[in-house]
Amino acid sequence: MIMNNEPDRVLLDLSYSENGHLVEADWQFLQRSDVTIFELPTLQAKAESLRESRLRKAFATKGRIGRNDKCPCGSAKKFKKC
């Protein structure tokens, strides 16, 4: 949400039992307007770190990401547009 300048996002938290069955599903709306200017730099740094770690993991497991593949950073955009 922070990296893509999205105004809001839904956070979905799923809990599973030991045998893999869905036990609980909680959700909440997150809005960019709720983030203070003091929190923004920290959150941006964490988001960039998470993006880089996802990209490193994708390169390590798949080797190459095609331009039309979805970006492994989690943005749901094509790699060439992310």
N, C-alpha and C. Protein backbone atom coordinates (compact mmCIF):
# COMPACT_ATOMS: atom_id res chain seq x y z
N MET A 1 0.83 -1.18 0.00
CA MET A 1 0.00 0.00 0.00
C MET A 1 0.88 1.25 0.00
N ILE A 2 1.91 1.27 0.82
CA ILE A 2 2.79 2.43 0.91
C ILE A 2 3.60 2.58 -0.37
N MET A 3 4.19 1.47 -0.85
CA MET A 3 5.05 1.54 -2.04
C MET A 3 4.28 1.84 -3.30
N ASN A 4 3.04 1.38 -3.38
CA ASN A 4 2.25 1.55 -4.60
C ASN A 4 1.32 2.75 -4.54
N ASN A 5 1.40 3.54 -3.47
CA ASN A 5 0.56 4.72 -3.28
C ASN A 5 -0.93 4.41 -3.40
N GLU A 6 -1.32 3.28 -2.82
CA GLU A 6 -2.73 2.90 -2.83
C GLU A 6 -3.42 3.61 -1.66
N PRO A 7 -4.64 4.08 -1.84
CA PRO A 7 -5.34 4.79 -0.76
C PRO A 7 -5.79 3.86 0.37
N ASP A 8 -6.10 2.61 0.04
CA ASP A 8 -6.54 1.68 1.08
C ASP A 8 -6.28 0.25 0.63
N ARG A 9 -6.38 -0.64 1.60
CA ARG A 9 -6.14 -2.06 1.33
C ARG A 9 -6.84 -2.86 2.41
N VAL A 10 -7.23 -4.07 2.07
CA VAL A 10 -7.85 -4.97 3.04
C VAL A 10 -6.79 -5.94 3.54
N LEU A 11 -6.67 -6.04 4.85
CA LEU A 11 -5.74 -6.99 5.47
C LEU A 11 -6.54 -8.22 5.87
N LEU A 12 -6.15 -9.36 5.35
CA LEU A 12 -6.84 -10.61 5.62
C LEU A 12 -5.91 -11.51 6.43
N ASP A 13 -6.37 -11.95 7.59
CA ASP A 13 -5.59 -12.80 8.49
C ASP A 13 -6.29 -14.14 8.60
N LEU A 14 -5.66 -15.19 8.07
CA LEU A 14 -6.25 -16.52 8.09
C LEU A 14 -5.51 -17.39 9.10
N SER A 15 -6.26 -18.14 9.92
CA SER A 15 -5.68 -19.07 10.89
C SER A 15 -6.10 -20.48 10.53
N TYR A 16 -5.13 -21.39 10.57
CA TYR A 16 -5.38 -22.79 10.21
C TYR A 16 -5.09 -23.70 11.40
N SER A 17 -5.80 -24.83 11.45
CA SER A 17 -5.54 -25.84 12.47
C SER A 17 -4.30 -26.63 12.08
N GLU A 18 -3.86 -27.52 12.96
CA GLU A 18 -2.67 -28.33 12.68
C GLU A 18 -2.85 -29.23 11.45
N ASN A 19 -4.08 -29.65 11.18
CA ASN A 19 -4.32 -30.52 10.03
C ASN A 19 -4.66 -29.74 8.76
N GLY A 20 -4.51 -28.41 8.79
CA GLY A 20 -4.65 -27.61 7.59
C GLY A 20 -6.03 -27.06 7.30
N HIS A 21 -6.96 -27.20 8.22
CA HIS A 21 -8.31 -26.66 8.02
C HIS A 21 -8.38 -25.21 8.49
N LEU A 22 -9.12 -24.42 7.75
CA LEU A 22 -9.30 -23.02 8.10
C LEU A 22 -10.12 -22.93 9.39
N VAL A 23 -9.58 -22.23 10.38
CA VAL A 23 -10.24 -22.11 11.67
C VAL A 23 -10.89 -20.74 11.82
N GLU A 24 -10.18 -19.70 11.39
CA GLU A 24 -10.67 -18.34 11.61
C GLU A 24 -10.18 -17.43 10.49
N ALA A 25 -11.01 -16.47 10.14
CA ALA A 25 -10.64 -15.46 9.14
C ALA A 25 -11.04 -14.09 9.68
N ASP A 26 -10.04 -13.23 9.84
CA ASP A 26 -10.28 -11.86 10.29
C ASP A 26 -9.82 -10.91 9.19
N TRP A 27 -10.50 -9.79 9.06
CA TRP A 27 -10.10 -8.80 8.07
C TRP A 27 -10.31 -7.41 8.64
N GLN A 28 -9.56 -6.48 8.09
CA GLN A 28 -9.73 -5.08 8.47
C GLN A 28 -9.27 -4.20 7.32
N PHE A 29 -9.82 -3.00 7.24
CA PHE A 29 -9.43 -2.05 6.21
C PHE A 29 -8.28 -1.21 6.74
N LEU A 30 -7.25 -1.07 5.93
CA LEU A 30 -6.13 -0.19 6.23
C LEU A 30 -6.19 0.98 5.27
N GLN A 31 -6.01 2.18 5.78
CA GLN A 31 -6.05 3.36 4.92
C GLN A 31 -4.74 4.12 5.04
N ARG A 32 -4.26 4.59 3.91
CA ARG A 32 -3.00 5.35 3.89
C ARG A 32 -3.14 6.63 4.71
N SER A 33 -4.32 7.19 4.76
CA SER A 33 -4.52 8.44 5.51
C SER A 33 -4.34 8.23 7.02
N ASP A 34 -4.40 6.97 7.49
CA ASP A 34 -4.20 6.69 8.91
C ASP A 34 -2.72 6.64 9.30
N VAL A 35 -1.83 6.63 8.32
CA VAL A 35 -0.39 6.58 8.58
C VAL A 35 0.11 8.01 8.78
N THR A 36 0.76 8.25 9.90
CA THR A 36 1.27 9.59 10.17
C THR A 36 2.56 9.83 9.38
N ILE A 37 2.91 11.08 9.23
CA ILE A 37 4.13 11.42 8.49
C ILE A 37 5.37 10.94 9.24
N PHE A 38 5.25 10.70 10.53
CA PHE A 38 6.38 10.22 11.33
C PHE A 38 6.60 8.72 11.12
N GLU A 39 5.54 7.98 10.85
CA GLU A 39 5.63 6.54 10.62
C GLU A 39 6.02 6.22 9.18
N LEU A 40 5.76 7.11 8.27
CA LEU A 40 5.93 6.86 6.84
C LEU A 40 7.34 6.42 6.44
N PRO A 41 8.41 7.11 6.86
CA PRO A 41 9.76 6.67 6.45
C PRO A 41 10.10 5.25 6.93
N THR A 42 9.71 4.91 8.13
CA THR A 42 9.97 3.57 8.66
C THR A 42 9.22 2.52 7.86
N LEU A 43 7.96 2.78 7.58
CA LEU A 43 7.16 1.83 6.82
C LEU A 43 7.67 1.69 5.38
N GLN A 44 8.12 2.79 4.79
CA GLN A 44 8.67 2.73 3.43
C GLN A 44 9.94 1.89 3.40
N ALA A 45 10.78 2.03 4.41
CA ALA A 45 12.01 1.25 4.48
C ALA A 45 11.70 -0.24 4.65
N LYS A 46 10.73 -0.56 5.50
CA LYS A 46 10.34 -1.96 5.70
C LYS A 46 9.74 -2.54 4.42
N ALA A 47 8.93 -1.76 3.72
CA ALA A 47 8.31 -2.22 2.47
C ALA A 47 9.37 -2.49 1.41
N GLU A 48 10.35 -1.62 1.30
CA GLU A 48 11.41 -1.82 0.33
C GLU A 48 12.26 -3.04 0.68
N SER A 49 12.51 -3.24 1.95
CA SER A 49 13.27 -4.41 2.40
C SER A 49 12.50 -5.70 2.07
N LEU A 50 11.21 -5.71 2.32
CA LEU A 50 10.38 -6.87 2.02
C LEU A 50 10.35 -7.13 0.51
N ARG A 51 10.23 -6.09 -0.28
CA ARG A 51 10.22 -6.23 -1.74
C ARG A 51 11.54 -6.84 -2.22
N GLU A 52 12.66 -6.34 -1.72
CA GLU A 52 13.96 -6.86 -2.14
C GLU A 52 14.14 -8.32 -1.74
N SER A 53 13.68 -8.69 -0.55
CA SER A 53 13.83 -10.08 -0.11
C SER A 53 12.96 -11.01 -0.96
N ARG A 54 11.77 -10.56 -1.34
CA ARG A 54 10.91 -11.38 -2.21
C ARG A 54 11.53 -11.54 -3.59
N LEU A 55 12.13 -10.47 -4.11
CA LEU A 55 12.77 -10.56 -5.42
C LEU A 55 13.98 -11.49 -5.37
N ARG A 56 14.80 -11.39 -4.32
CA ARG A 56 15.96 -12.28 -4.18
C ARG A 56 15.52 -13.74 -4.12
N LYS A 57 14.46 -14.00 -3.35
CA LYS A 57 13.95 -15.37 -3.23
C LYS A 57 13.44 -15.88 -4.57
N ALA A 58 12.74 -15.03 -5.33
CA ALA A 58 12.21 -15.43 -6.63
C ALA A 58 13.34 -15.72 -7.61
N PHE A 59 14.38 -14.89 -7.61
CA PHE A 59 15.52 -15.12 -8.49
C PHE A 59 16.25 -16.41 -8.12
N ALA A 60 16.34 -16.68 -6.82
CA ALA A 60 17.04 -17.88 -6.36
C ALA A 60 16.28 -19.15 -6.73
N THR A 61 14.95 -19.12 -6.67
CA THR A 61 14.18 -20.33 -6.95
C THR A 61 13.84 -20.50 -8.42
N LYS A 62 13.52 -19.42 -9.11
CA LYS A 62 13.09 -19.52 -10.52
C LYS A 62 14.20 -19.18 -11.50
N GLY A 63 15.19 -18.43 -11.05
CA GLY A 63 16.28 -18.04 -11.93
C GLY A 63 16.02 -16.75 -12.67
N ARG A 64 14.98 -16.70 -13.46
CA ARG A 64 14.68 -15.51 -14.25
C ARG A 64 13.20 -15.21 -14.17
N ILE A 65 12.88 -13.92 -14.09
CA ILE A 65 11.48 -13.49 -14.09
C ILE A 65 11.21 -12.83 -15.43
N GLY A 66 10.21 -13.31 -16.13
CA GLY A 66 9.85 -12.73 -17.42
C GLY A 66 9.15 -11.39 -17.25
N ARG A 67 9.23 -10.55 -18.27
CA ARG A 67 8.64 -9.21 -18.15
C ARG A 67 7.13 -9.26 -17.98
N ASN A 68 6.47 -10.30 -18.48
CA ASN A 68 5.02 -10.39 -18.37
C ASN A 68 4.55 -11.23 -17.19
N ASP A 69 5.50 -11.76 -16.40
CA ASP A 69 5.14 -12.48 -15.18
C ASP A 69 4.73 -11.49 -14.10
N LYS A 70 3.94 -11.96 -13.15
CA LYS A 70 3.58 -11.11 -12.02
C LYS A 70 4.82 -10.87 -11.17
N CYS A 71 4.95 -9.69 -10.64
CA CYS A 71 6.10 -9.34 -9.82
C CYS A 71 6.04 -10.11 -8.50
N PRO A 72 7.12 -10.72 -8.07
CA PRO A 72 7.12 -11.47 -6.82
C PRO A 72 7.13 -10.59 -5.58
N CYS A 73 7.17 -9.27 -5.74
CA CYS A 73 7.19 -8.39 -4.57
C CYS A 73 5.83 -8.33 -3.89
N GLY A 74 4.78 -8.80 -4.57
CA GLY A 74 3.45 -8.81 -3.97
C GLY A 74 2.55 -7.69 -4.44
N SER A 75 2.99 -6.91 -5.41
CA SER A 75 2.18 -5.78 -5.88
C SER A 75 1.05 -6.20 -6.81
N ALA A 76 1.09 -7.43 -7.33
CA ALA A 76 0.12 -7.96 -8.29
C ALA A 76 0.21 -7.28 -9.65
N LYS A 77 1.27 -6.52 -9.89
CA LYS A 77 1.51 -5.91 -11.19
C LYS A 77 2.44 -6.81 -11.99
N LYS A 78 2.48 -6.59 -13.30
CA LYS A 78 3.46 -7.29 -14.11
C LYS A 78 4.85 -6.79 -13.70
N PHE A 79 5.84 -7.68 -13.83
CA PHE A 79 7.21 -7.35 -13.42
C PHE A 79 7.72 -6.12 -14.13
N LYS A 80 7.40 -5.97 -15.44
CA LYS A 80 7.89 -4.83 -16.21
C LYS A 80 7.28 -3.50 -15.77
N LYS A 81 6.13 -3.54 -15.11
CA LYS A 81 5.44 -2.31 -14.68
C LYS A 81 5.69 -1.98 -13.21
N CYS A 82 6.28 -2.93 -12.49
CA CYS A 82 6.46 -2.74 -11.06
C CYS A 82 7.68 -1.89 -10.76
